[in-house]
Amino acid sequence: MMNKVISYFKKKDLDDDLYETCVIWKCRTNIRKDQPIEQRYGYIEGAGQLCHKCYQKIKEQSWYEYLKAWGISYGGTKYRSLL
């Protein structure tokens, strides 16, 4: 039984290592790390990978203002959080 539990957590860790993390919410995305940037949904050059929900929000408003509000750096500049 203990081997199954250990095996489960090892597999979970391996799965987490395969996928990108959202730079805003720090959640796992469905984008694999080995996928070329040009083919990714929700990738912003200079900021990083976003989850689907964050990218949808950015599409609704200026991505610059959204990243600035969350304190995400873009192009080497670290923005202060407005929240």
PDB file of N, CA and C in Angstrom:
ATOM      1  N   MET A   1       0.821  -1.199   0.000  1.00  0.00           N
ATOM      2  CA  MET A   1       0.000   0.000   0.000  1.00  0.00           C
ATOM      3  C   MET A   1       0.869   1.270   0.000  1.00  0.00           C
ATOM      4  N   MET A   2       1.915   1.272   0.821  1.00  0.00           N
ATOM      5  CA  MET A   2       2.782   2.442   0.910  1.00  0.00           C
ATOM      6  C   MET A   2       3.465   2.717  -0.428  1.00  0.00           C
ATOM      7  N   ASN A   3       3.822   1.672  -1.160  1.00  0.00           N
ATOM      8  CA  ASN A   3       4.455   1.844  -2.467  1.00  0.00           C
ATOM      9  C   ASN A   3       3.514   2.536  -3.443  1.00  0.00           C
ATOM     10  N   LYS A   4       2.206   2.225  -3.366  1.00  0.00           N
ATOM     11  CA  LYS A   4       1.227   2.871  -4.241  1.00  0.00           C
ATOM     12  C   LYS A   4       1.118   4.363  -3.931  1.00  0.00           C
ATOM     13  N   VAL A   5       1.150   4.706  -2.660  1.00  0.00           N
ATOM     14  CA  VAL A   5       1.062   6.109  -2.250  1.00  0.00           C
ATOM     15  C   VAL A   5       2.288   6.868  -2.741  1.00  0.00           C
ATOM     16  N   ILE A   6       3.465   6.310  -2.534  1.00  0.00           N
ATOM     17  CA  ILE A   6       4.700   6.943  -2.987  1.00  0.00           C
ATOM     18  C   ILE A   6       4.697   7.068  -4.503  1.00  0.00           C
ATOM     19  N   SER A   7       4.265   6.035  -5.189  1.00  0.00           N
ATOM     20  CA  SER A   7       4.203   6.046  -6.648  1.00  0.00           C
ATOM     21  C   SER A   7       3.266   7.151  -7.143  1.00  0.00           C
ATOM     22  N   TYR A   8       2.133   7.326  -6.479  1.00  0.00           N
ATOM     23  CA  TYR A   8       1.174   8.359  -6.851  1.00  0.00           C
ATOM     24  C   TYR A   8       1.814   9.747  -6.770  1.00  0.00           C
ATOM     25  N   PHE A   9       2.508  10.027  -5.659  1.00  0.00           N
ATOM     26  CA  PHE A   9       3.110  11.344  -5.487  1.00  0.00           C
ATOM     27  C   PHE A   9       4.280  11.576  -6.438  1.00  0.00           C
ATOM     28  N   LYS A  10       5.047  10.548  -6.737  1.00  0.00           N
ATOM     29  CA  LYS A  10       6.127  10.690  -7.716  1.00  0.00           C
ATOM     30  C   LYS A  10       5.558  11.018  -9.082  1.00  0.00           C
ATOM     31  N   LYS A  11       4.472  10.335  -9.476  1.00  0.00           N
ATOM     32  CA  LYS A  11       3.841  10.582 -10.770  1.00  0.00           C
ATOM     33  C   LYS A  11       3.288  12.009 -10.810  1.00  0.00           C
ATOM     34  N   LYS A  12       2.666  12.456  -9.714  1.00  0.00           N
ATOM     35  CA  LYS A  12       2.122  13.810  -9.652  1.00  0.00           C
ATOM     36  C   LYS A  12       3.241  14.840  -9.813  1.00  0.00           C
ATOM     37  N   ASP A  13       4.378  14.625  -9.142  1.00  0.00           N
ATOM     38  CA  ASP A  13       5.513  15.545  -9.273  1.00  0.00           C
ATOM     39  C   ASP A  13       6.031  15.571 -10.696  1.00  0.00           C
ATOM     40  N   LEU A  14       6.100  14.419 -11.344  1.00  0.00           N
ATOM     41  CA  LEU A  14       6.563  14.356 -12.731  1.00  0.00           C
ATOM     42  C   LEU A  14       5.601  15.095 -13.650  1.00  0.00           C
ATOM     43  N   ASP A  15       4.301  14.923 -13.433  1.00  0.00           N
ATOM     44  CA  ASP A  15       3.302  15.621 -14.244  1.00  0.00           C
ATOM     45  C   ASP A  15       3.422  17.128 -14.078  1.00  0.00           C
ATOM     46  N   ASP A  16       3.634  17.594 -12.856  1.00  0.00           N
ATOM     47  CA  ASP A  16       3.775  19.033 -12.599  1.00  0.00           C
ATOM     48  C   ASP A  16       5.010  19.600 -13.293  1.00  0.00           C
ATOM     49  N   ASP A  17       6.060  18.801 -13.398  1.00  0.00           N
ATOM     50  CA  ASP A  17       7.292  19.251 -14.054  1.00  0.00           C
ATOM     51  C   ASP A  17       7.134  19.362 -15.565  1.00  0.00           C
ATOM     52  N   LEU A  18       6.122  18.742 -16.130  1.00  0.00           N
ATOM     53  CA  LEU A  18       5.919  18.764 -17.578  1.00  0.00           C
ATOM     54  C   LEU A  18       5.174  20.003 -18.049  1.00  0.00           C
ATOM     55  N   TYR A  19       4.438  20.637 -17.158  1.00  0.00           N
ATOM     56  CA  TYR A  19       3.553  21.729 -17.552  1.00  0.00           C
ATOM     57  C   TYR A  19       4.002  23.065 -16.979  1.00  0.00           C
ATOM     58  N   GLU A  20       3.715  24.132 -17.721  1.00  0.00           N
ATOM     59  CA  GLU A  20       4.039  25.492 -17.305  1.00  0.00           C
ATOM     60  C   GLU A  20       3.150  25.936 -16.144  1.00  0.00           C
ATOM     61  N   THR A  21       3.621  26.938 -15.435  1.00  0.00           N
ATOM     62  CA  THR A  21       2.882  27.534 -14.331  1.00  0.00           C
ATOM     63  C   THR A  21       2.492  28.961 -14.724  1.00  0.00           C
ATOM     64  N   CYS A  22       1.277  29.345 -14.396  1.00  0.00           N
ATOM     65  CA  CYS A  22       0.797  30.703 -14.668  1.00  0.00           C
ATOM     66  C   CYS A  22       1.611  31.692 -13.830  1.00  0.00           C
ATOM     67  N   VAL A  23       2.126  32.747 -14.478  1.00  0.00           N
ATOM     68  CA  VAL A  23       2.956  33.724 -13.764  1.00  0.00           C
ATOM     69  C   VAL A  23       2.139  34.598 -12.815  1.00  0.00           C
ATOM     70  N   ILE A  24       0.831  34.589 -12.944  1.00  0.00           N
ATOM     71  CA  ILE A  24      -0.015  35.400 -12.062  1.00  0.00           C
ATOM     72  C   ILE A  24      -0.552  34.570 -10.899  1.00  0.00           C
ATOM     73  N   TRP A  25      -1.269  33.484 -11.195  1.00  0.00           N
ATOM     74  CA  TRP A  25      -1.913  32.690 -10.154  1.00  0.00           C
ATOM     75  C   TRP A  25      -1.046  31.558  -9.622  1.00  0.00           C
ATOM     76  N   LYS A  26       0.077  31.283 -10.297  1.00  0.00           N
ATOM     77  CA  LYS A  26       0.985  30.199  -9.894  1.00  0.00           C
ATOM     78  C   LYS A  26       0.316  28.831  -9.956  1.00  0.00           C
ATOM     79  N   CYS A  27      -0.705  28.713 -10.780  1.00  0.00           N
ATOM     80  CA  CYS A  27      -1.372  27.426 -10.963  1.00  0.00           C
ATOM     81  C   CYS A  27      -0.774  26.715 -12.175  1.00  0.00           C
ATOM     82  N   ARG A  28      -0.945  25.406 -12.228  1.00  0.00           N
ATOM     83  CA  ARG A  28      -0.456  24.647 -13.362  1.00  0.00           C
ATOM     84  C   ARG A  28      -1.350  24.908 -14.565  1.00  0.00           C
ATOM     85  N   THR A  29      -0.735  25.116 -15.722  1.00  0.00           N
ATOM     86  CA  THR A  29      -1.501  25.313 -16.953  1.00  0.00           C
ATOM     87  C   THR A  29      -1.559  23.992 -17.716  1.00  0.00           C
ATOM     88  N   ASN A  30      -2.266  23.984 -18.824  1.00  0.00           N
ATOM     89  CA  ASN A  30      -2.303  22.790 -19.667  1.00  0.00           C
ATOM     90  C   ASN A  30      -1.284  22.885 -20.802  1.00  0.00           C
ATOM     91  N   ILE A  31      -0.334  23.802 -20.673  1.00  0.00           N
ATOM     92  CA  ILE A  31       0.712  24.012 -21.682  1.00  0.00           C
ATOM     93  C   ILE A  31       1.980  23.276 -21.243  1.00  0.00           C
ATOM     94  N   ARG A  32       2.458  22.384 -22.099  1.00  0.00           N
ATOM     95  CA  ARG A  32       3.676  21.639 -21.786  1.00  0.00           C
ATOM     96  C   ARG A  32       4.904  22.543 -21.941  1.00  0.00           C
ATOM     97  N   LYS A  33       5.895  22.321 -21.085  1.00  0.00           N
ATOM     98  CA  LYS A  33       7.118  23.118 -21.121  1.00  0.00           C
ATOM     99  C   LYS A  33       7.902  22.923 -22.408  1.00  0.00           C
ATOM    100  N   ASP A  34       7.743  21.769 -23.040  1.00  0.00           N
ATOM    101  CA  ASP A  34       8.493  21.498 -24.269  1.00  0.00           C
ATOM    102  C   ASP A  34       7.781  22.011 -25.528  1.00  0.00           C
ATOM    103  N   GLN A  35       6.618  22.629 -25.360  1.00  0.00           N
ATOM    104  CA  GLN A  35       5.891  23.185 -26.502  1.00  0.00           C
ATOM    105  C   GLN A  35       6.531  24.505 -26.921  1.00  0.00           C
ATOM    106  N   PRO A  36       6.799  24.693 -28.207  1.00  0.00           N
ATOM    107  CA  PRO A  36       7.402  25.952 -28.667  1.00  0.00           C
ATOM    108  C   PRO A  36       6.537  27.162 -28.292  1.00  0.00           C
ATOM    109  N   ILE A  37       7.183  28.245 -27.926  1.00  0.00           N
ATOM    110  CA  ILE A  37       6.495  29.460 -27.489  1.00  0.00           C
ATOM    111  C   ILE A  37       5.528  29.965 -28.558  1.00  0.00           C
ATOM    112  N   GLU A  38       5.919  29.866 -29.811  1.00  0.00           N
ATOM    113  CA  GLU A  38       5.089  30.359 -30.907  1.00  0.00           C
ATOM    114  C   GLU A  38       3.753  29.623 -31.007  1.00  0.00           C
ATOM    115  N   GLN A  39       3.684  28.420 -30.470  1.00  0.00           N
ATOM    116  CA  GLN A  39       2.463  27.610 -30.555  1.00  0.00           C
ATOM    117  C   GLN A  39       1.643  27.641 -29.266  1.00  0.00           C
ATOM    118  N   ARG A  40       2.074  28.374 -28.282  1.00  0.00           N
ATOM    119  CA  ARG A  40       1.390  28.385 -26.988  1.00  0.00           C
ATOM    120  C   ARG A  40       0.228  29.368 -26.965  1.00  0.00           C
ATOM    121  N   TYR A  41      -0.813  28.981 -26.257  1.00  0.00           N
ATOM    122  CA  TYR A  41      -1.937  29.873 -25.993  1.00  0.00           C
ATOM    123  C   TYR A  41      -1.666  30.534 -24.645  1.00  0.00           C
ATOM    124  N   GLY A  42      -1.736  31.843 -24.595  1.00  0.00           N
ATOM    125  CA  GLY A  42      -1.597  32.547 -23.329  1.00  0.00           C
ATOM    126  C   GLY A  42      -0.178  32.906 -22.960  1.00  0.00           C
ATOM    127  N   TYR A  43       0.756  32.821 -23.897  1.00  0.00           N
ATOM    128  CA  TYR A  43       2.135  33.206 -23.590  1.00  0.00           C
ATOM    129  C   TYR A  43       2.350  34.659 -23.999  1.00  0.00           C
ATOM    130  N   ILE A  44       2.912  35.455 -23.082  1.00  0.00           N
ATOM    131  CA  ILE A  44       3.234  36.855 -23.373  1.00  0.00           C
ATOM    132  C   ILE A  44       4.744  37.005 -23.263  1.00  0.00           C
ATOM    133  N   GLU A  45       5.357  37.350 -24.376  1.00  0.00           N
ATOM    134  CA  GLU A  45       6.812  37.491 -24.395  1.00  0.00           C
ATOM    135  C   GLU A  45       7.225  38.577 -23.414  1.00  0.00           C
ATOM    136  N   GLY A  46       8.196  38.254 -22.591  1.00  0.00           N
ATOM    137  CA  GLY A  46       8.689  39.187 -21.586  1.00  0.00           C
ATOM    138  C   GLY A  46       8.023  39.018 -20.238  1.00  0.00           C
ATOM    139  N   ALA A  47       6.848  38.393 -20.209  1.00  0.00           N
ATOM    140  CA  ALA A  47       6.136  38.169 -18.950  1.00  0.00           C
ATOM    141  C   ALA A  47       6.086  36.682 -18.618  1.00  0.00           C
ATOM    142  N   GLY A  48       5.708  35.861 -19.586  1.00  0.00           N
ATOM    143  CA  GLY A  48       5.667  34.425 -19.376  1.00  0.00           C
ATOM    144  C   GLY A  48       4.326  33.813 -19.710  1.00  0.00           C
ATOM    145  N   GLN A  49       4.135  32.591 -19.221  1.00  0.00           N
ATOM    146  CA  GLN A  49       2.945  31.807 -19.511  1.00  0.00           C
ATOM    147  C   GLN A  49       1.813  32.160 -18.555  1.00  0.00           C
ATOM    148  N   LEU A  50       0.617  32.302 -19.103  1.00  0.00           N
ATOM    149  CA  LEU A  50      -0.575  32.559 -18.295  1.00  0.00           C
ATOM    150  C   LEU A  50      -1.538  31.391 -18.432  1.00  0.00           C
ATOM    151  N   CYS A  51      -2.364  31.204 -17.425  1.00  0.00           N
ATOM    152  CA  CYS A  51      -3.426  30.205 -17.529  1.00  0.00           C
ATOM    153  C   CYS A  51      -4.531  30.771 -18.433  1.00  0.00           C
ATOM    154  N   HIS A  52      -5.446  29.927 -18.805  1.00  0.00           N
ATOM    155  CA  HIS A  52      -6.522  30.326 -19.717  1.00  0.00           C
ATOM    156  C   HIS A  52      -7.330  31.498 -19.145  1.00  0.00           C
ATOM    157  N   LYS A  53      -7.656  31.415 -17.862  1.00  0.00           N
ATOM    158  CA  LYS A  53      -8.483  32.440 -17.222  1.00  0.00           C
ATOM    159  C   LYS A  53      -7.787  33.804 -17.217  1.00  0.00           C
ATOM    160  N   CYS A  54      -6.525  33.830 -16.857  1.00  0.00           N
ATOM    161  CA  CYS A  54      -5.780  35.099 -16.838  1.00  0.00           C
ATOM    162  C   CYS A  54      -5.638  35.670 -18.242  1.00  0.00           C
ATOM    163  N   TYR A  55      -5.379  34.806 -19.216  1.00  0.00           N
ATOM    164  CA  TYR A  55      -5.218  35.293 -20.575  1.00  0.00           C
ATOM    165  C   TYR A  55      -6.529  35.875 -21.107  1.00  0.00           C
ATOM    166  N   GLN A  56      -7.650  35.276 -20.752  1.00  0.00           N
ATOM    167  CA  GLN A  56      -8.950  35.806 -21.157  1.00  0.00           C
ATOM    168  C   GLN A  56      -9.169  37.192 -20.561  1.00  0.00           C
ATOM    169  N   LYS A  57      -8.785  37.365 -19.289  1.00  0.00           N
ATOM    170  CA  LYS A  57      -8.912  38.677 -18.644  1.00  0.00           C
ATOM    171  C   LYS A  57      -8.073  39.720 -19.370  1.00  0.00           C
ATOM    172  N   ILE A  58      -6.870  39.341 -19.746  1.00  0.00           N
ATOM    173  CA  ILE A  58      -5.973  40.257 -20.444  1.00  0.00           C
ATOM    174  C   ILE A  58      -6.543  40.649 -21.800  1.00  0.00           C
ATOM    175  N   LYS A  59      -7.175  39.704 -22.468  1.00  0.00           N
ATOM    176  CA  LYS A  59      -7.779  40.018 -23.764  1.00  0.00           C
ATOM    177  C   LYS A  59      -8.914  41.020 -23.607  1.00  0.00           C
ATOM    178  N   GLU A  60      -9.575  41.026 -22.450  1.00  0.00           N
ATOM    179  CA  GLU A  60     -10.679  41.944 -22.192  1.00  0.00           C
ATOM    180  C   GLU A  60     -10.189  43.353 -21.863  1.00  0.00           C
ATOM    181  N   GLN A  61      -9.000  43.464 -21.327  1.00  0.00           N
ATOM    182  CA  GLN A  61      -8.458  44.770 -20.974  1.00  0.00           C
ATOM    183  C   GLN A  61      -7.016  44.860 -21.459  1.00  0.00           C
ATOM    184  N   SER A  62      -6.396  45.956 -21.261  1.00  0.00           N
ATOM    185  CA  SER A  62      -5.007  46.126 -21.662  1.00  0.00           C
ATOM    186  C   SER A  62      -4.125  45.171 -20.872  1.00  0.00           C
ATOM    187  N   TRP A  63      -3.375  44.318 -21.552  1.00  0.00           N
ATOM    188  CA  TRP A  63      -2.507  43.359 -20.859  1.00  0.00           C
ATOM    189  C   TRP A  63      -1.462  44.078 -20.019  1.00  0.00           C
ATOM    190  N   TYR A  64      -1.021  45.225 -20.473  1.00  0.00           N
ATOM    191  CA  TYR A  64      -0.030  45.994 -19.725  1.00  0.00           C
ATOM    192  C   TYR A  64      -0.579  46.382 -18.352  1.00  0.00           C
ATOM    193  N   GLU A  65      -1.781  46.904 -18.315  1.00  0.00           N
ATOM    194  CA  GLU A  65      -2.390  47.312 -17.050  1.00  0.00           C
ATOM    195  C   GLU A  65      -2.675  46.116 -16.155  1.00  0.00           C
ATOM    196  N   TYR A  66      -3.076  44.985 -16.748  1.00  0.00           N
ATOM    197  CA  TYR A  66      -3.362  43.775 -15.974  1.00  0.00           C
ATOM    198  C   TYR A  66      -2.089  43.260 -15.306  1.00  0.00           C
ATOM    199  N   LEU A  67      -1.005  43.177 -16.064  1.00  0.00           N
ATOM    200  CA  LEU A  67       0.255  42.708 -15.492  1.00  0.00           C
ATOM    201  C   LEU A  67       0.745  43.674 -14.422  1.00  0.00           C
ATOM    202  N   LYS A  68       0.610  44.946 -14.670  1.00  0.00           N
ATOM    203  CA  LYS A  68       1.031  45.966 -13.718  1.00  0.00           C
ATOM    204  C   LYS A  68       0.247  45.824 -12.409  1.00  0.00           C
ATOM    205  N   ALA A  69      -1.040  45.567 -12.517  1.00  0.00           N
ATOM    206  CA  ALA A  69      -1.885  45.421 -11.332  1.00  0.00           C
ATOM    207  C   ALA A  69      -1.468  44.224 -10.484  1.00  0.00           C
ATOM    208  N   TRP A  70      -0.956  43.179 -11.126  1.00  0.00           N
ATOM    209  CA  TRP A  70      -0.554  41.970 -10.392  1.00  0.00           C
ATOM    210  C   TRP A  70       0.911  42.005  -9.984  1.00  0.00           C
ATOM    211  N   GLY A  71       1.615  43.068 -10.325  1.00  0.00           N
ATOM    212  CA  GLY A  71       3.013  43.173  -9.916  1.00  0.00           C
ATOM    213  C   GLY A  71       3.942  42.282 -10.724  1.00  0.00           C
ATOM    214  N   ILE A  72       3.556  41.958 -11.957  1.00  0.00           N
ATOM    215  CA  ILE A  72       4.370  41.108 -12.819  1.00  0.00           C
ATOM    216  C   ILE A  72       5.321  41.987 -13.615  1.00  0.00           C
ATOM    217  N   SER A  73       6.566  41.571 -13.696  1.00  0.00           N
ATOM    218  CA  SER A  73       7.531  42.363 -14.458  1.00  0.00           C
ATOM    219  C   SER A  73       7.364  42.095 -15.942  1.00  0.00           C
ATOM    220  N   TYR A  74       7.568  43.100 -16.717  1.00  0.00           N
ATOM    221  CA  TYR A  74       7.493  42.995 -18.177  1.00  0.00           C
ATOM    222  C   TYR A  74       8.658  43.768 -18.764  1.00  0.00           C
ATOM    223  N   GLY A  75       9.431  43.099 -19.579  1.00  0.00           N
ATOM    224  CA  GLY A  75      10.559  43.754 -20.214  1.00  0.00           C
ATOM    225  C   GLY A  75      11.623  44.217 -19.227  1.00  0.00           C
ATOM    226  N   GLY A  76      11.764  43.486 -18.126  1.00  0.00           N
ATOM    227  CA  GLY A  76      12.797  43.810 -17.148  1.00  0.00           C
ATOM    228  C   GLY A  76      12.380  44.819 -16.106  1.00  0.00           C
ATOM    229  N   THR A  77      11.169  45.350 -16.197  1.00  0.00           N
ATOM    230  CA  THR A  77      10.695  46.329 -15.213  1.00  0.00           C
ATOM    231  C   THR A  77       9.728  45.653 -14.262  1.00  0.00           C
ATOM    232  N   LYS A  78       9.974  45.774 -12.970  1.00  0.00           N
ATOM    233  CA  LYS A  78       9.097  45.189 -11.970  1.00  0.00           C
ATOM    234  C   LYS A  78       8.058  46.219 -11.570  1.00  0.00           C
ATOM    235  N   TYR A  79       6.777  45.870 -11.744  1.00  0.00           N
ATOM    236  CA  TYR A  79       5.704  46.789 -11.394  1.00  0.00           C
ATOM    237  C   TYR A  79       5.247  46.528  -9.970  1.00  0.00           C
ATOM    238  N   ARG A  80       4.847  47.570  -9.310  1.00  0.00           N
ATOM    239  CA  ARG A  80       4.309  47.430  -7.955  1.00  0.00           C
ATOM    240  C   ARG A  80       2.840  47.062  -8.053  1.00  0.00           C
ATOM    241  N   SER A  81       2.390  46.268  -7.114  1.00  0.00           N
ATOM    242  CA  SER A  81       1.000  45.852  -7.098  1.00  0.00           C
ATOM    243  C   SER A  81       0.087  47.021  -6.755  1.00  0.00           C
ATOM    244  N   LEU A  82      -1.006  47.125  -7.467  1.00  0.00           N
ATOM    245  CA  LEU A  82      -1.992  48.175  -7.188  1.00  0.00           C
ATOM    246  C   LEU A  82      -3.058  47.689  -6.225  1.00  0.00           C
ATOM    247  N   LEU A  83      -3.030  46.392  -5.888  1.00  0.00           N
ATOM    248  CA  LEU A  83      -4.064  45.817  -5.023  1.00  0.00           C
ATOM    249  C   LEU A  83      -3.702  45.968  -3.568  1.00  0.00           C
TER     250      LEU A  83
END
